[in-house]
Amino acid sequence: MPNIFEKKISEYLFLEIENKDFTDMYLCYCGMQKCKPLYYYGPAIRNNYLIHFVLKGTGYYYVNDTKYTITKNQGFLIKPNEVTFYQSDKDDPWTYIWIGFDGKKVNTYLQFAGLDNGNLIFKYDDSQILEKYVLEMLTHHTASNSNQLKIEALLYLFFSRISENITNSPVQSKNGDNIYILKCIEYIQNNYSNHITVSEVCKYVSLSRSYLNALFKKCLNISPQQFLIEFRMNKASELLKSTDLPINNISYSCGYTDPLAFSKSFKKILGISPSHYRNTKSTR
């Protein structure tokens, strides 16, 4: 029997399942979210496959030196072990559903849907039916054999829908600007704990600070300095929730030599102190 639980917060629904019975293809988690302007996730590497499908709004998906613009009735595939980054638009943020899945025959089912190495984007015009499937998955969260079978059936129904009458029409751009952004994000991901500064990021990509600042604001609507700070705070929040590390150690792990400066930055970004955040968000 699966271990199933559901998290509910404002404008966010999430269901996670521990599969022990299915092998060909099975659901790992699913959810629905109304994103805030400029909400982003990543850069990150997933352990399983993940599809986001946009119900409304606009956003951007970065993978393999390519930027995709994703709008209503479009979905994008995230594959395991690939560095990806995505961000909601400033003026027209996303509302989307998502399904995380895995299994030994996943590649076959993805090919049925026209999704493979050459294509990560799909279009499906009846967004209501896909939304319905995910909401039904969320409804059947109580651990039971019947709910386990129901969720598995809904996953296959989701794939059957996107495999019929789909139009693969990615809107993408692959240019120097996007490659610079992706290289900066990758550098920050690999070095944020080493007390790096924006100047070092500029040096890594051989761009002036003013040019890099303009590039980040153009592509991500955020300065590189703010991106670096928020990235570190996201990592810090993960450590506060999932470990018993002292806050001083967490500040060092996130690239801060001064724990007081870390605490001030954390409170500025998240609205509460690190200790208060740990007390209210701990998952240990």
C-alpha atoms as a PDB file:
ATOM      1  CA  MET A   1       0.000   0.000   0.000  1.00  0.00           C
ATOM      2  CA  PRO A   2       1.396   3.437  -0.898  1.00  0.00           C
ATOM      3  CA  ASN A   3       2.513   6.028   1.570  1.00  0.00           C
ATOM      4  CA  ILE A   4       0.481   9.047   0.486  1.00  0.00           C
ATOM      5  CA  PHE A   5       0.214  12.501   1.955  1.00  0.00           C
ATOM      6  CA  GLU A   6      -1.100  15.825   0.733  1.00  0.00           C
ATOM      7  CA  LYS A   7       0.197  19.306   1.514  1.00  0.00           C
ATOM      8  CA  LYS A   8      -2.110  22.305   1.234  1.00  0.00           C
ATOM      9  CA  ILE A   9      -0.945  25.889   1.393  1.00  0.00           C
ATOM     10  CA  SER A  10      -2.255  29.100  -0.137  1.00  0.00           C
ATOM     11  CA  GLU A  11      -2.577  28.667  -3.914  1.00  0.00           C
ATOM     12  CA  TYR A  12      -0.598  25.412  -3.817  1.00  0.00           C
ATOM     13  CA  LEU A  13      -1.613  21.740  -3.727  1.00  0.00           C
ATOM     14  CA  PHE A  14       0.830  18.850  -3.604  1.00  0.00           C
ATOM     15  CA  LEU A  15       0.519  15.065  -3.349  1.00  0.00           C
ATOM     16  CA  GLU A  16       3.474  12.705  -2.954  1.00  0.00           C
ATOM     17  CA  ILE A  17       3.289   8.934  -3.325  1.00  0.00           C
ATOM     18  CA  GLU A  18       5.750   6.219  -2.402  1.00  0.00           C
ATOM     19  CA  ASN A  19       5.199   3.558  -5.064  1.00  0.00           C
ATOM     20  CA  LYS A  20       5.877  -0.085  -4.232  1.00  0.00           C
ATOM     21  CA  ASP A  21       3.619  -1.941  -6.651  1.00  0.00           C
ATOM     22  CA  PHE A  22       3.906  -0.560 -10.200  1.00  0.00           C
ATOM     23  CA  THR A  23       6.956  -0.760 -12.464  1.00  0.00           C
ATOM     24  CA  ASP A  24       6.055   0.200 -16.063  1.00  0.00           C
ATOM     25  CA  MET A  25       5.008   3.752 -15.167  1.00  0.00           C
ATOM     26  CA  TYR A  26       3.898   5.188 -11.857  1.00  0.00           C
ATOM     27  CA  LEU A  27       3.138   8.538 -10.250  1.00  0.00           C
ATOM     28  CA  CYS A  28       5.721   9.966  -7.839  1.00  0.00           C
ATOM     29  CA  TYR A  29       3.902  13.213  -7.048  1.00  0.00           C
ATOM     30  CA  CYS A  30       1.525  15.738  -8.561  1.00  0.00           C
ATOM     31  CA  GLY A  31       0.254  19.208  -7.812  1.00  0.00           C
ATOM     32  CA  MET A  32      -1.207  22.502  -8.843  1.00  0.00           C
ATOM     33  CA  GLN A  33       0.142  25.998  -8.212  1.00  0.00           C
ATOM     34  CA  LYS A  34      -0.796  29.594  -8.873  1.00  0.00           C
ATOM     35  CA  CYS A  35       2.650  31.169  -9.197  1.00  0.00           C
ATOM     36  CA  LYS A  36       3.573  34.616  -8.010  1.00  0.00           C
ATOM     37  CA  PRO A  37       5.194  37.018 -10.488  1.00  0.00           C
ATOM     38  CA  LEU A  38       8.816  36.018 -11.160  1.00  0.00           C
ATOM     39  CA  TYR A  39       8.467  32.801  -9.147  1.00  0.00           C
ATOM     40  CA  TYR A  40      11.269  30.466 -10.170  1.00  0.00           C
ATOM     41  CA  TYR A  41      12.589  27.009  -9.458  1.00  0.00           C
ATOM     42  CA  GLY A  42      16.158  25.859  -9.961  1.00  0.00           C
ATOM     43  CA  PRO A  43      18.645  25.403 -11.211  1.00  0.00           C
ATOM     44  CA  ALA A  44      17.860  21.861 -10.140  1.00  0.00           C
ATOM     45  CA  ILE A  45      18.373  18.251 -11.130  1.00  0.00           C
ATOM     46  CA  ARG A  46      15.434  15.853 -10.786  1.00  0.00           C
ATOM     47  CA  ASN A  47      15.548  12.170  -9.938  1.00  0.00           C
ATOM     48  CA  ASN A  48      12.479  11.391 -12.041  1.00  0.00           C
ATOM     49  CA  TYR A  49      10.503  12.709 -15.005  1.00  0.00           C
ATOM     50  CA  LEU A  50       8.290  15.751 -14.513  1.00  0.00           C
ATOM     51  CA  ILE A  51       5.669  17.406 -16.721  1.00  0.00           C
ATOM     52  CA  HIS A  52       4.263  20.877 -16.074  1.00  0.00           C
ATOM     53  CA  PHE A  53       1.134  21.919 -17.965  1.00  0.00           C
ATOM     54  CA  VAL A  54       0.134  25.591 -18.018  1.00  0.00           C
ATOM     55  CA  LEU A  55      -3.525  26.443 -17.361  1.00  0.00           C
ATOM     56  CA  LYS A  56      -2.958  30.164 -17.794  1.00  0.00           C
ATOM     57  CA  GLY A  57      -0.180  32.723 -17.852  1.00  0.00           C
ATOM     58  CA  THR A  58       3.303  32.838 -19.315  1.00  0.00           C
ATOM     59  CA  GLY A  59       6.735  31.700 -18.199  1.00  0.00           C
ATOM     60  CA  TYR A  60      10.130  30.525 -19.364  1.00  0.00           C
ATOM     61  CA  TYR A  61      11.870  27.148 -19.313  1.00  0.00           C
ATOM     62  CA  TYR A  62      15.660  26.924 -19.614  1.00  0.00           C
ATOM     63  CA  VAL A  63      17.411  23.670 -20.498  1.00  0.00           C
ATOM     64  CA  ASN A  64      20.423  22.687 -22.623  1.00  0.00           C
ATOM     65  CA  ASP A  65      21.318  26.289 -23.555  1.00  0.00           C
ATOM     66  CA  THR A  66      17.764  26.846 -24.812  1.00  0.00           C
ATOM     67  CA  LYS A  67      15.023  29.152 -23.546  1.00  0.00           C
ATOM     68  CA  TYR A  68      11.392  28.167 -24.182  1.00  0.00           C
ATOM     69  CA  THR A  69       8.462  30.538 -23.738  1.00  0.00           C
ATOM     70  CA  ILE A  70       5.574  28.484 -22.320  1.00  0.00           C
ATOM     71  CA  THR A  71       2.004  29.800 -22.367  1.00  0.00           C
ATOM     72  CA  LYS A  72      -1.564  28.569 -21.803  1.00  0.00           C
ATOM     73  CA  ASN A  73      -2.285  25.024 -23.038  1.00  0.00           C
ATOM     74  CA  GLN A  74       1.409  24.199 -23.355  1.00  0.00           C
ATOM     75  CA  GLY A  75       3.426  21.785 -21.268  1.00  0.00           C
ATOM     76  CA  PHE A  76       7.105  21.081 -20.788  1.00  0.00           C
ATOM     77  CA  LEU A  77       9.019  17.932 -19.900  1.00  0.00           C
ATOM     78  CA  ILE A  78      11.851  17.828 -17.368  1.00  0.00           C
ATOM     79  CA  LYS A  79      14.041  14.746 -17.647  1.00  0.00           C
ATOM     80  CA  PRO A  80      16.056  13.130 -14.845  1.00  0.00           C
ATOM     81  CA  ASN A  81      19.661  14.187 -14.273  1.00  0.00           C
ATOM     82  CA  GLU A  82      19.454  17.366 -16.377  1.00  0.00           C
ATOM     83  CA  VAL A  83      20.001  20.853 -14.986  1.00  0.00           C
ATOM     84  CA  THR A  84      16.856  22.922 -15.566  1.00  0.00           C
ATOM     85  CA  PHE A  85      15.504  26.303 -14.516  1.00  0.00           C
ATOM     86  CA  TYR A  86      12.058  27.815 -15.011  1.00  0.00           C
ATOM     87  CA  GLN A  87      10.464  31.122 -14.098  1.00  0.00           C
ATOM     88  CA  SER A  88       7.006  32.657 -14.150  1.00  0.00           C
ATOM     89  CA  ASP A  89       6.441  35.901 -16.056  1.00  0.00           C
ATOM     90  CA  LYS A  90       6.486  39.228 -14.218  1.00  0.00           C
ATOM     91  CA  ASP A  91       3.172  40.530 -15.587  1.00  0.00           C
ATOM     92  CA  ASP A  92       1.312  37.330 -16.516  1.00  0.00           C
ATOM     93  CA  PRO A  93       2.427  34.622 -14.068  1.00  0.00           C
ATOM     94  CA  TRP A  94       1.717  30.949 -14.550  1.00  0.00           C
ATOM     95  CA  THR A  95      -0.955  28.782 -13.056  1.00  0.00           C
ATOM     96  CA  TYR A  96       0.022  25.187 -13.772  1.00  0.00           C
ATOM     97  CA  ILE A  97      -0.457  21.565 -12.853  1.00  0.00           C
ATOM     98  CA  TRP A  98       2.355  19.025 -12.704  1.00  0.00           C
ATOM     99  CA  ILE A  99       2.949  15.294 -12.533  1.00  0.00           C
ATOM    100  CA  GLY A 100       6.191  13.619 -11.505  1.00  0.00           C
ATOM    101  CA  PHE A 101       6.526  10.034 -12.705  1.00  0.00           C
ATOM    102  CA  ASP A 102       8.967   7.226 -13.418  1.00  0.00           C
ATOM    103  CA  GLY A 103       9.097   3.606 -14.555  1.00  0.00           C
ATOM    104  CA  LYS A 104      10.866   1.231 -16.896  1.00  0.00           C
ATOM    105  CA  LYS A 105       8.564   2.004 -19.854  1.00  0.00           C
ATOM    106  CA  VAL A 106       8.351   5.785 -19.439  1.00  0.00           C
ATOM    107  CA  ASN A 107      10.395   6.463 -22.578  1.00  0.00           C
ATOM    108  CA  THR A 108       7.905   4.470 -24.650  1.00  0.00           C
ATOM    109  CA  TYR A 109       4.932   6.434 -23.327  1.00  0.00           C
ATOM    110  CA  LEU A 110       6.758   9.733 -23.827  1.00  0.00           C
ATOM    111  CA  GLN A 111       7.355   8.796 -27.452  1.00  0.00           C
ATOM    112  CA  PHE A 112       3.620   8.142 -27.820  1.00  0.00           C
ATOM    113  CA  ALA A 113       3.111  11.751 -26.705  1.00  0.00           C
ATOM    114  CA  GLY A 114       5.738  13.075 -29.116  1.00  0.00           C
ATOM    115  CA  LEU A 115       8.172  13.874 -26.318  1.00  0.00           C
ATOM    116  CA  ASP A 116      11.750  12.734 -26.735  1.00  0.00           C
ATOM    117  CA  ASN A 117      15.269  14.144 -26.855  1.00  0.00           C
ATOM    118  CA  GLY A 118      14.390  16.385 -29.774  1.00  0.00           C
ATOM    119  CA  ASN A 119      11.180  17.785 -28.304  1.00  0.00           C
ATOM    120  CA  LEU A 120      10.419  18.737 -24.713  1.00  0.00           C
ATOM    121  CA  ILE A 121       7.336  20.916 -25.331  1.00  0.00           C
ATOM    122  CA  PHE A 122       3.781  19.917 -26.180  1.00  0.00           C
ATOM    123  CA  LYS A 123       0.438  21.614 -26.733  1.00  0.00           C
ATOM    124  CA  TYR A 124      -2.994  20.328 -25.702  1.00  0.00           C
ATOM    125  CA  ASP A 125      -6.077  22.496 -26.137  1.00  0.00           C
ATOM    126  CA  ASP A 126      -8.440  20.889 -23.611  1.00  0.00           C
ATOM    127  CA  SER A 127      -6.713  22.077 -20.456  1.00  0.00           C
ATOM    128  CA  GLN A 128      -9.792  21.402 -18.321  1.00  0.00           C
ATOM    129  CA  ILE A 129      -9.572  17.632 -18.752  1.00  0.00           C
ATOM    130  CA  LEU A 130      -5.891  17.521 -17.753  1.00  0.00           C
ATOM    131  CA  GLU A 131      -6.641  19.748 -14.766  1.00  0.00           C
ATOM    132  CA  LYS A 132      -9.497  17.412 -13.842  1.00  0.00           C
ATOM    133  CA  TYR A 133      -7.201  14.380 -13.851  1.00  0.00           C
ATOM    134  CA  VAL A 134      -4.676  16.019 -11.537  1.00  0.00           C
ATOM    135  CA  LEU A 135      -7.367  17.300  -9.181  1.00  0.00           C
ATOM    136  CA  GLU A 136      -8.799  13.778  -9.020  1.00  0.00           C
ATOM    137  CA  MET A 137      -5.344  12.457  -8.158  1.00  0.00           C
ATOM    138  CA  LEU A 138      -5.199  14.974  -5.323  1.00  0.00           C
ATOM    139  CA  THR A 139      -8.677  13.929  -4.167  1.00  0.00           C
ATOM    140  CA  HIS A 140      -7.716  10.254  -3.917  1.00  0.00           C
ATOM    141  CA  HIS A 141      -4.894  10.879  -1.465  1.00  0.00           C
ATOM    142  CA  THR A 142      -6.057   8.533   1.290  1.00  0.00           C
ATOM    143  CA  ALA A 143      -3.864   5.433   1.358  1.00  0.00           C
ATOM    144  CA  SER A 144      -5.830   2.452   0.014  1.00  0.00           C
ATOM    145  CA  ASN A 145      -5.528  -0.129  -2.740  1.00  0.00           C
ATOM    146  CA  SER A 146      -8.479   1.350  -4.621  1.00  0.00           C
ATOM    147  CA  ASN A 147      -7.012   4.860  -4.539  1.00  0.00           C
ATOM    148  CA  GLN A 148      -3.657   3.487  -5.641  1.00  0.00           C
ATOM    149  CA  LEU A 149      -5.302   1.931  -8.701  1.00  0.00           C
ATOM    150  CA  LYS A 150      -7.363   5.066  -9.352  1.00  0.00           C
ATOM    151  CA  ILE A 151      -4.259   7.283  -9.366  1.00  0.00           C
ATOM    152  CA  GLU A 152      -2.437   4.868 -11.673  1.00  0.00           C
ATOM    153  CA  ALA A 153      -5.404   4.917 -14.066  1.00  0.00           C
ATOM    154  CA  LEU A 154      -5.519   8.722 -14.040  1.00  0.00           C
ATOM    155  CA  LEU A 155      -1.822   8.856 -14.918  1.00  0.00           C
ATOM    156  CA  TYR A 156      -2.421   6.703 -17.998  1.00  0.00           C
ATOM    157  CA  LEU A 157      -5.467   8.785 -18.925  1.00  0.00           C
ATOM    158  CA  PHE A 158      -3.305  11.914 -18.720  1.00  0.00           C
ATOM    159  CA  PHE A 159      -0.845  10.356 -21.159  1.00  0.00           C
ATOM    160  CA  SER A 160      -3.587   9.104 -23.450  1.00  0.00           C
ATOM    161  CA  ARG A 161      -4.910  12.655 -23.772  1.00  0.00           C
ATOM    162  CA  ILE A 162      -1.615  14.333 -24.571  1.00  0.00           C
ATOM    163  CA  SER A 163      -0.856  11.534 -27.048  1.00  0.00           C
ATOM    164  CA  GLU A 164      -3.881  12.363 -29.196  1.00  0.00           C
ATOM    165  CA  ASN A 165      -4.413  15.479 -31.301  1.00  0.00           C
ATOM    166  CA  ILE A 166      -1.339  17.230 -29.964  1.00  0.00           C
ATOM    167  CA  THR A 167       0.646  19.887 -31.768  1.00  0.00           C
ATOM    168  CA  ASN A 168       4.291  20.135 -30.841  1.00  0.00           C
ATOM    169  CA  SER A 169       5.118  23.794 -31.400  1.00  0.00           C
ATOM    170  CA  PRO A 170       7.827  25.020 -29.048  1.00  0.00           C
ATOM    171  CA  VAL A 171       8.546  28.723 -28.967  1.00  0.00           C
ATOM    172  CA  GLN A 172      12.244  28.786 -28.266  1.00  0.00           C
ATOM    173  CA  SER A 173      15.294  30.905 -28.615  1.00  0.00           C
ATOM    174  CA  LYS A 174      18.876  29.772 -28.525  1.00  0.00           C
ATOM    175  CA  ASN A 175      21.201  32.715 -28.566  1.00  0.00           C
ATOM    176  CA  GLY A 176      24.182  34.191 -26.815  1.00  0.00           C
ATOM    177  CA  ASP A 177      22.135  35.952 -24.142  1.00  0.00           C
ATOM    178  CA  ASN A 178      20.446  32.759 -22.962  1.00  0.00           C
ATOM    179  CA  ILE A 179      23.702  30.816 -22.985  1.00  0.00           C
ATOM    180  CA  TYR A 180      25.335  33.473 -20.781  1.00  0.00           C
ATOM    181  CA  ILE A 181      22.412  33.339 -18.343  1.00  0.00           C
ATOM    182  CA  LEU A 182      22.524  29.555 -18.143  1.00  0.00           C
ATOM    183  CA  LYS A 183      26.285  29.567 -17.596  1.00  0.00           C
ATOM    184  CA  CYS A 184      25.881  32.102 -14.770  1.00  0.00           C
ATOM    185  CA  ILE A 185      23.144  30.030 -13.139  1.00  0.00           C
ATOM    186  CA  GLU A 186      25.248  26.883 -13.415  1.00  0.00           C
ATOM    187  CA  TYR A 187      28.258  28.678 -11.892  1.00  0.00           C
ATOM    188  CA  ILE A 188      26.157  29.967  -8.991  1.00  0.00           C
ATOM    189  CA  GLN A 189      24.692  26.517  -8.406  1.00  0.00           C
ATOM    190  CA  ASN A 190      28.144  24.944  -8.229  1.00  0.00           C
ATOM    191  CA  ASN A 191      29.845  27.682  -6.183  1.00  0.00           C
ATOM    192  CA  TYR A 192      27.252  29.491  -4.020  1.00  0.00           C
ATOM    193  CA  SER A 193      28.765  27.958  -0.869  1.00  0.00           C
ATOM    194  CA  ASN A 194      32.245  29.312  -1.657  1.00  0.00           C
ATOM    195  CA  HIS A 195      31.631  32.977  -0.775  1.00  0.00           C
ATOM    196  CA  ILE A 196      31.464  33.946  -4.463  1.00  0.00           C
ATOM    197  CA  THR A 197      30.448  37.448  -5.517  1.00  0.00           C
ATOM    198  CA  VAL A 198      28.793  38.811  -8.641  1.00  0.00           C
ATOM    199  CA  SER A 199      32.221  40.066  -9.733  1.00  0.00           C
ATOM    200  CA  GLU A 200      33.442  36.469  -9.828  1.00  0.00           C
ATOM    201  CA  VAL A 201      30.388  35.453 -11.846  1.00  0.00           C
ATOM    202  CA  CYS A 202      31.190  38.244 -14.317  1.00  0.00           C
ATOM    203  CA  LYS A 203      34.765  37.041 -14.555  1.00  0.00           C
ATOM    204  CA  TYR A 204      33.611  33.473 -15.200  1.00  0.00           C
ATOM    205  CA  VAL A 205      31.527  34.499 -18.231  1.00  0.00           C
ATOM    206  CA  SER A 206      33.904  37.325 -19.281  1.00  0.00           C
ATOM    207  CA  LEU A 207      31.265  40.065 -19.117  1.00  0.00           C
ATOM    208  CA  SER A 208      31.249  43.444 -17.412  1.00  0.00           C
ATOM    209  CA  ARG A 209      29.064  43.832 -14.353  1.00  0.00           C
ATOM    210  CA  SER A 210      26.880  46.461 -16.019  1.00  0.00           C
ATOM    211  CA  TYR A 211      26.297  44.240 -19.049  1.00  0.00           C
ATOM    212  CA  LEU A 212      25.524  41.181 -16.920  1.00  0.00           C
ATOM    213  CA  ASN A 213      23.137  43.232 -14.799  1.00  0.00           C
ATOM    214  CA  ALA A 214      21.284  44.385 -17.920  1.00  0.00           C
ATOM    215  CA  LEU A 215      21.227  40.823 -19.247  1.00  0.00           C
ATOM    216  CA  PHE A 216      19.714  39.375 -16.060  1.00  0.00           C
ATOM    217  CA  LYS A 217      17.064  42.083 -15.891  1.00  0.00           C
ATOM    218  CA  LYS A 218      16.210  41.537 -19.551  1.00  0.00           C
ATOM    219  CA  CYS A 219      15.926  37.748 -19.307  1.00  0.00           C
ATOM    220  CA  LEU A 220      14.899  37.134 -15.672  1.00  0.00           C
ATOM    221  CA  ASN A 221      13.628  40.523 -14.453  1.00  0.00           C
ATOM    222  CA  ILE A 222      16.048  40.352 -11.538  1.00  0.00           C
ATOM    223  CA  SER A 223      19.604  41.549 -10.939  1.00  0.00           C
ATOM    224  CA  PRO A 224      22.415  38.971 -10.648  1.00  0.00           C
ATOM    225  CA  GLN A 225      23.062  40.154  -7.081  1.00  0.00           C
ATOM    226  CA  GLN A 226      19.441  39.570  -6.086  1.00  0.00           C
ATOM    227  CA  PHE A 227      19.418  36.213  -7.860  1.00  0.00           C
ATOM    228  CA  LEU A 228      22.526  35.110  -5.940  1.00  0.00           C
ATOM    229  CA  ILE A 229      21.016  36.205  -2.617  1.00  0.00           C
ATOM    230  CA  GLU A 230      17.683  34.484  -3.272  1.00  0.00           C
ATOM    231  CA  PHE A 231      19.408  31.324  -4.453  1.00  0.00           C
ATOM    232  CA  ARG A 232      21.403  31.188  -1.219  1.00  0.00           C
ATOM    233  CA  MET A 233      18.302  31.834   0.866  1.00  0.00           C
ATOM    234  CA  ASN A 234      16.451  29.016  -0.906  1.00  0.00           C
ATOM    235  CA  LYS A 235      19.310  26.648  -0.084  1.00  0.00           C
ATOM    236  CA  ALA A 236      19.387  27.914   3.491  1.00  0.00           C
ATOM    237  CA  SER A 237      15.650  27.341   3.914  1.00  0.00           C
ATOM    238  CA  GLU A 238      16.072  23.748   2.698  1.00  0.00           C
ATOM    239  CA  LEU A 239      18.816  23.135   5.271  1.00  0.00           C
ATOM    240  CA  LEU A 240      16.790  24.751   8.051  1.00  0.00           C
ATOM    241  CA  LYS A 241      13.824  22.510   7.277  1.00  0.00           C
ATOM    242  CA  SER A 242      15.649  19.231   6.808  1.00  0.00           C
ATOM    243  CA  THR A 243      18.729  19.295   9.079  1.00  0.00           C
ATOM    244  CA  ASP A 244      19.795  20.033  12.650  1.00  0.00           C
ATOM    245  CA  LEU A 245      22.808  22.075  11.575  1.00  0.00           C
ATOM    246  CA  PRO A 246      23.413  25.187  13.710  1.00  0.00           C
ATOM    247  CA  ILE A 247      22.391  28.394  11.970  1.00  0.00           C
ATOM    248  CA  ASN A 248      26.001  29.615  11.972  1.00  0.00           C
ATOM    249  CA  ASN A 249      27.031  26.507  10.038  1.00  0.00           C
ATOM    250  CA  ILE A 250      24.192  26.977   7.576  1.00  0.00           C
ATOM    251  CA  SER A 251      25.270  30.561   6.939  1.00  0.00           C
ATOM    252  CA  TYR A 252      28.798  29.364   6.103  1.00  0.00           C
ATOM    253  CA  SER A 253      27.404  26.577   3.917  1.00  0.00           C
ATOM    254  CA  CYS A 254      25.470  29.166   1.926  1.00  0.00           C
ATOM    255  CA  GLY A 255      28.439  31.436   1.283  1.00  0.00           C
ATOM    256  CA  TYR A 256      28.205  33.887   4.197  1.00  0.00           C
ATOM    257  CA  THR A 257      31.234  34.585   6.390  1.00  0.00           C
ATOM    258  CA  ASP A 258      29.157  36.733   8.771  1.00  0.00           C
ATOM    259  CA  PRO A 259      26.191  34.920  10.405  1.00  0.00           C
ATOM    260  CA  LEU A 260      24.598  38.264  11.331  1.00  0.00           C
ATOM    261  CA  ALA A 261      24.628  39.400   7.695  1.00  0.00           C
ATOM    262  CA  PHE A 262      23.125  36.032   6.757  1.00  0.00           C
ATOM    263  CA  SER A 263      20.302  36.422   9.277  1.00  0.00           C
ATOM    264  CA  LYS A 264      19.529  39.940   8.036  1.00  0.00           C
ATOM    265  CA  SER A 265      19.412  38.768   4.413  1.00  0.00           C
ATOM    266  CA  PHE A 266      17.256  35.776   5.330  1.00  0.00           C
ATOM    267  CA  LYS A 267      14.722  37.917   7.178  1.00  0.00           C
ATOM    268  CA  LYS A 268      14.643  40.447   4.335  1.00  0.00           C
ATOM    269  CA  ILE A 269      13.855  37.745   1.759  1.00  0.00           C
ATOM    270  CA  LEU A 270      11.568  35.444   3.759  1.00  0.00           C
ATOM    271  CA  GLY A 271      10.125  37.889   6.269  1.00  0.00           C
ATOM    272  CA  ILE A 272      11.151  35.945   9.391  1.00  0.00           C
ATOM    273  CA  SER A 273      14.399  35.030  11.142  1.00  0.00           C
ATOM    274  CA  PRO A 274      16.169  31.729  10.390  1.00  0.00           C
ATOM    275  CA  SER A 275      15.374  30.361  13.861  1.00  0.00           C
ATOM    276  CA  HIS A 276      11.694  31.255  13.547  1.00  0.00           C
ATOM    277  CA  TYR A 277      11.596  29.705  10.075  1.00  0.00           C
ATOM    278  CA  ARG A 278      13.092  26.466  11.396  1.00  0.00           C
ATOM    279  CA  ASN A 279      10.538  26.275  14.208  1.00  0.00           C
ATOM    280  CA  THR A 280       7.585  26.725  11.849  1.00  0.00           C
ATOM    281  CA  LYS A 281       8.777  24.810   8.767  1.00  0.00           C
ATOM    282  CA  SER A 282      10.794  21.894  10.108  1.00  0.00           C
ATOM    283  CA  THR A 283      10.184  18.550   8.365  1.00  0.00           C
ATOM    284  CA  ARG A 284      12.687  16.608  10.421  1.00  0.00           C
END
